[in-house]
Amino acid sequence: MSVNEGISQVKRPLPHTKLHRNSISPAVLVCGDPQRATRIAEFLDNVSLIAEWREYRTLTGTFDGFPVTVCSHGIGAPGAAIAFEELIAAGARQIIRVGTCGGIMPAVDSGVLVIAEAAVQYTGYGRQIMPPNYPAVADLHLTLALEQAARTKKRPFHTGIVLTTDAFYKGIPAPHLPDYHQMAAAHVLAVEMECAALFLIGRLRQIRTAAILAADGNVLHRAEDMDTFDPHRDIVRQTIDDAIQIALQALKNHGPE
């Protein structure tokens, strides 16, 4: 694997995560919410908080004796990309995102697990780091490890393509914006906000990346004013816990590079 070329080699802490180089495990789980990072750490032994700055909370521990680092990345591609880049600079070689998504296909609704093979890019970030037609694709081996861990847990899941977008709340409709009905016709499973950035950075920096997502609803079923949207229901929390356990097992099964 190549050394991260996006950040110069310096001895001071990395500027946004406050991580030091070679201070983390090669196997990393990332999530949006700092509180979810703390929740993931509850599945680990020998946990220590190694850095916390802005939205980036980083902890390290062991899962069945296997070293794992956990880091929150906030919401949206640009901020998440900073976390991914600095994690790689600090020693990450495998990164799995454990997150949430909104279903697009009818079968993907609250409580459903999605394993993302690739992401349709509706983000500004991707166009700034790679050619516009470059595909945002997860690592095959790490994705297969997620699938195998889910099967071992006997947890149903869907594997396929997700949509990564920058906007959570709707604005004025425009031709250049994603049409969820068209995405459904193209069999795009769900929408979220960070996978494309993770997959692109993984290819650019030559590390393995993957993602497992818990659906917290379906965007084609959701009320336009979103008054009914609640991502904190028990069914969503349990699905996130399932995704965490599957991702940890996948990292352990995959093993070090």
Protein backbone atom coordinates (compact mmCIF):
# COMPACT_ATOMS: atom_id res chain seq x y z
CA MET A 1 0.00 0.00 0.00
CA SER A 2 1.24 3.50 -0.81
CA VAL A 3 1.94 6.14 1.80
CA ASN A 4 -0.65 8.91 2.04
CA GLU A 5 0.56 11.72 -0.17
CA GLY A 6 -2.11 14.22 0.80
CA ILE A 7 -0.42 15.33 4.04
CA SER A 8 3.23 16.29 4.41
CA GLN A 9 5.42 14.30 6.78
CA VAL A 10 5.58 16.27 10.05
CA LYS A 11 6.00 15.31 13.71
CA ARG A 12 3.31 17.55 15.19
CA PRO A 13 -0.26 16.20 15.58
CA LEU A 14 -2.39 16.12 12.47
CA PRO A 15 -4.30 19.41 12.34
CA HIS A 16 -7.96 18.39 12.57
CA THR A 17 -8.08 15.02 14.34
CA LYS A 18 -5.04 15.72 16.57
CA LEU A 19 -3.79 12.22 15.83
CA HIS A 20 -0.10 11.41 15.70
CA ARG A 21 1.40 9.32 12.93
CA ASN A 22 1.51 5.58 13.61
CA SER A 23 -0.73 6.10 16.65
CA ILE A 24 -3.72 4.01 15.55
CA SER A 25 -4.57 0.49 14.47
CA PRO A 26 -4.46 -0.33 10.75
CA ALA A 27 -8.08 -1.54 11.06
CA VAL A 28 -10.52 1.34 11.57
CA LEU A 29 -14.27 1.80 11.95
CA VAL A 30 -15.65 5.26 11.17
CA CYS A 31 -19.06 6.75 11.87
CA GLY A 32 -20.66 10.16 11.69
CA ASP A 33 -21.70 10.74 15.29
CA PRO A 34 -19.10 11.08 18.08
CA GLN A 35 -21.61 9.43 20.42
CA ARG A 36 -21.78 6.48 18.05
CA ALA A 37 -18.00 6.20 18.22
CA THR A 38 -18.39 5.86 21.97
CA ARG A 39 -21.10 3.26 21.42
CA ILE A 40 -18.82 1.26 19.11
CA ALA A 41 -16.13 1.37 21.78
CA GLU A 42 -18.53 -0.43 24.14
CA PHE A 43 -18.04 -3.53 21.98
CA LEU A 44 -14.26 -3.33 22.50
CA ASP A 45 -11.89 -4.20 25.33
CA ASN A 46 -8.94 -2.15 26.58
CA VAL A 47 -10.42 1.07 25.21
CA SER A 48 -8.56 4.35 25.35
CA LEU A 49 -9.47 7.79 24.02
CA ILE A 50 -6.47 8.87 21.98
CA ALA A 51 -7.70 12.15 20.47
CA GLU A 52 -10.75 14.42 20.35
CA TRP A 53 -11.03 17.64 18.37
CA ARG A 54 -13.99 19.22 16.58
CA GLU A 55 -16.29 16.38 15.44
CA TYR A 56 -13.46 13.85 15.40
CA ARG A 57 -13.43 11.52 18.43
CA THR A 58 -10.87 8.71 18.14
CA LEU A 59 -10.65 5.67 20.39
CA THR A 60 -8.60 2.49 20.20
CA GLY A 61 -9.29 -0.94 21.71
CA THR A 62 -9.41 -4.63 20.88
CA PHE A 63 -12.17 -6.86 19.52
CA ASP A 64 -11.52 -10.49 20.51
CA GLY A 65 -7.88 -9.52 20.81
CA PHE A 66 -7.77 -7.79 17.41
CA PRO A 67 -6.70 -4.11 17.54
CA VAL A 68 -9.31 -1.67 16.20
CA THR A 69 -9.50 2.12 16.06
CA VAL A 70 -12.82 3.99 15.98
CA CYS A 71 -13.21 7.57 14.73
CA SER A 72 -16.22 9.84 14.17
CA HIS A 73 -16.22 11.95 11.01
CA GLY A 74 -19.24 14.23 11.25
CA ILE A 75 -21.83 14.78 8.52
CA GLY A 76 -21.01 15.26 4.85
CA ALA A 77 -18.18 14.45 2.49
CA PRO A 78 -15.71 17.35 3.01
CA GLY A 79 -15.43 17.01 6.78
CA ALA A 80 -15.49 13.22 6.61
CA ALA A 81 -12.74 13.28 3.99
CA ILE A 82 -10.49 15.17 6.40
CA ALA A 83 -10.97 12.37 8.92
CA PHE A 84 -10.24 9.69 6.31
CA GLU A 85 -7.08 11.42 5.10
CA GLU A 86 -5.73 12.00 8.59
CA LEU A 87 -6.58 8.45 9.68
CA ILE A 88 -4.59 7.14 6.73
CA ALA A 89 -1.72 9.45 7.63
CA ALA A 90 -1.90 8.05 11.18
CA GLY A 91 -1.69 4.45 9.99
CA ALA A 92 -5.12 3.26 8.78
CA ARG A 93 -5.03 0.64 6.03
CA GLN A 94 -8.60 -0.66 6.24
CA ILE A 95 -11.57 1.62 6.92
CA ILE A 96 -15.19 0.49 7.26
CA ARG A 97 -17.90 3.11 7.59
CA VAL A 98 -20.78 2.18 9.91
CA GLY A 99 -23.52 4.67 9.20
CA THR A 100 -27.16 5.28 8.43
CA CYS A 101 -28.98 5.78 5.16
CA GLY A 102 -32.39 6.51 3.74
CA GLY A 103 -33.84 3.80 1.56
CA ILE A 104 -34.60 4.48 -2.09
CA MET A 105 -35.64 1.03 -3.26
CA PRO A 106 -38.98 -0.08 -1.74
CA ALA A 107 -37.36 -3.00 0.10
CA VAL A 108 -34.99 -0.69 2.00
CA ASP A 109 -36.74 0.87 4.98
CA SER A 110 -36.22 1.19 8.71
CA GLY A 111 -34.30 -1.74 10.17
CA VAL A 112 -32.75 -2.91 6.90
CA LEU A 113 -28.98 -3.31 6.48
CA VAL A 114 -27.23 -2.13 3.30
CA ILE A 115 -23.69 -3.09 2.31
CA ALA A 116 -22.44 -0.56 -0.25
CA GLU A 117 -20.49 -1.88 -3.23
CA ALA A 118 -20.16 1.56 -4.83
CA ALA A 119 -21.63 5.04 -4.72
CA VAL A 120 -23.24 7.34 -7.27
CA GLN A 121 -21.55 10.71 -6.79
CA TYR A 122 -23.76 13.76 -6.28
CA THR A 123 -21.11 15.62 -4.30
CA GLY A 124 -18.84 18.54 -4.99
CA TYR A 125 -15.98 16.97 -3.08
CA GLY A 126 -15.38 14.04 -5.42
CA ARG A 127 -14.93 16.30 -8.44
CA GLN A 128 -12.16 18.16 -6.64
CA ILE A 129 -9.94 15.13 -5.98
CA MET A 130 -10.56 12.77 -8.92
CA PRO A 131 -11.64 12.98 -12.58
CA PRO A 132 -15.44 13.41 -12.77
CA ASN A 133 -16.04 10.02 -14.41
CA TYR A 134 -13.91 8.07 -11.93
CA PRO A 135 -16.09 5.48 -10.13
CA ALA A 136 -16.44 5.49 -6.34
CA VAL A 137 -16.06 1.77 -5.61
CA ALA A 138 -15.51 -0.06 -2.33
CA ASP A 139 -12.77 -2.66 -1.88
CA LEU A 140 -14.01 -6.09 -2.98
CA HIS A 141 -12.24 -8.10 -0.26
CA LEU A 142 -13.45 -5.94 2.62
CA THR A 143 -16.97 -5.86 1.18
CA LEU A 144 -17.01 -9.65 0.94
CA ALA A 145 -15.82 -9.81 4.56
CA LEU A 146 -18.85 -7.71 5.56
CA GLU A 147 -21.18 -10.00 3.65
CA GLN A 148 -19.69 -13.11 5.24
CA ALA A 149 -19.90 -11.62 8.74
CA ALA A 150 -23.56 -10.70 8.16
CA ARG A 151 -24.34 -14.23 6.98
CA THR A 152 -22.59 -15.73 9.99
CA LYS A 153 -24.72 -13.48 12.22
CA LYS A 154 -27.76 -14.62 10.21
CA ARG A 155 -28.66 -10.98 9.59
CA PRO A 156 -30.44 -10.25 6.27
CA PHE A 157 -28.92 -7.47 4.18
CA HIS A 158 -28.93 -5.91 0.72
CA THR A 159 -25.72 -5.36 -1.24
CA GLY A 160 -25.54 -2.83 -4.05
CA ILE A 161 -25.04 0.78 -5.05
CA VAL A 162 -25.86 3.78 -2.86
CA LEU A 163 -26.22 7.47 -3.67
CA THR A 164 -23.95 9.99 -1.94
CA THR A 165 -25.29 13.53 -1.81
CA ASP A 166 -24.30 16.79 -0.11
CA ALA A 167 -27.79 18.05 0.78
CA PHE A 168 -29.89 16.49 3.54
CA TYR A 169 -32.79 18.94 3.34
CA LYS A 170 -34.43 19.66 0.01
CA GLY A 171 -34.02 22.93 -1.82
CA ILE A 172 -35.44 24.14 -5.11
CA PRO A 173 -35.76 21.26 -7.62
CA ALA A 174 -33.28 21.53 -10.48
CA PRO A 175 -32.22 19.28 -13.39
CA HIS A 176 -28.74 18.70 -11.95
CA LEU A 177 -30.06 17.35 -8.62
CA PRO A 178 -30.67 13.64 -7.97
CA ASP A 179 -34.13 12.30 -8.73
CA TYR A 180 -34.92 9.51 -6.27
CA HIS A 181 -37.45 7.92 -8.63
CA GLN A 182 -34.79 7.72 -11.34
CA MET A 183 -32.35 6.29 -8.82
CA ALA A 184 -34.90 3.66 -7.83
CA ALA A 185 -35.36 2.76 -11.50
CA ALA A 186 -31.57 2.30 -11.66
CA HIS A 187 -31.72 0.02 -8.58
CA VAL A 188 -29.79 2.39 -6.32
CA LEU A 189 -30.55 1.05 -2.85
CA ALA A 190 -30.25 4.07 -0.56
CA VAL A 191 -28.95 7.60 -0.07
CA GLU A 192 -26.30 8.80 2.40
CA MET A 193 -23.61 11.49 2.55
CA GLU A 194 -20.08 10.07 2.91
CA CYS A 195 -19.48 6.74 1.13
CA ALA A 196 -18.34 8.20 -2.19
CA ALA A 197 -15.65 10.24 -0.44
CA LEU A 198 -14.46 7.19 1.49
CA PHE A 199 -14.31 4.98 -1.59
CA LEU A 200 -12.53 7.61 -3.70
CA ILE A 201 -9.95 8.28 -1.02
CA GLY A 202 -9.44 4.55 -0.59
CA ARG A 203 -8.59 4.18 -4.27
CA LEU A 204 -6.48 7.33 -4.34
CA ARG A 205 -4.43 6.39 -1.27
CA GLN A 206 -4.52 2.64 -2.02
CA ILE A 207 -6.16 1.39 1.17
CA ARG A 208 -9.17 -0.90 1.59
CA THR A 209 -12.56 0.70 2.26
CA ALA A 210 -16.10 -0.58 2.73
CA ALA A 211 -19.41 0.49 4.26
CA ILE A 212 -22.37 -1.04 6.06
CA LEU A 213 -25.41 1.17 6.63
CA ALA A 214 -28.56 0.95 8.76
CA ALA A 215 -31.66 2.31 7.05
CA ASP A 216 -33.59 4.81 9.17
CA GLY A 217 -36.49 5.18 6.75
CA ASN A 218 -37.23 5.49 3.05
CA VAL A 219 -36.97 8.84 1.25
CA LEU A 220 -39.79 7.98 -1.14
CA HIS A 221 -42.11 7.13 1.75
CA ARG A 222 -41.10 10.06 3.96
CA ALA A 223 -43.31 13.14 4.35
CA GLU A 224 -42.08 16.16 2.42
CA ASP A 225 -41.80 18.28 5.57
CA MET A 226 -39.96 15.45 7.38
CA ASP A 227 -42.11 15.94 10.48
CA THR A 228 -42.30 12.17 10.89
CA PHE A 229 -38.58 11.48 10.46
CA ASP A 230 -37.00 10.02 13.60
CA PRO A 231 -33.59 8.32 13.23
CA HIS A 232 -33.44 7.46 16.94
CA ARG A 233 -36.13 4.77 17.12
CA ASP A 234 -35.38 1.40 18.73
CA ILE A 235 -35.44 -0.43 15.39
CA VAL A 236 -32.76 1.89 14.01
CA ARG A 237 -30.60 1.68 17.15
CA GLN A 238 -30.73 -2.12 17.06
CA THR A 239 -29.84 -2.17 13.37
CA ILE A 240 -26.88 0.12 14.01
CA ASP A 241 -25.71 -2.23 16.77
CA ASP A 242 -25.97 -5.15 14.34
CA ALA A 243 -23.96 -3.19 11.77
CA ILE A 244 -21.28 -2.42 14.37
CA GLN A 245 -20.89 -6.07 15.32
CA ILE A 246 -20.79 -7.18 11.69
CA ALA A 247 -18.18 -4.55 10.82
CA LEU A 248 -15.97 -5.48 13.76
CA GLN A 249 -16.16 -9.15 12.86
CA ALA A 250 -15.39 -8.34 9.22
CA LEU A 251 -12.25 -6.43 10.21
CA LYS A 252 -11.11 -9.29 12.45
CA ASN A 253 -11.87 -11.94 9.81
CA HIS A 254 -10.10 -9.95 7.10
CA GLY A 255 -7.07 -9.50 9.31
CA PRO A 256 -4.10 -7.21 8.80
CA GLU A 257 -2.74 -6.41 5.35
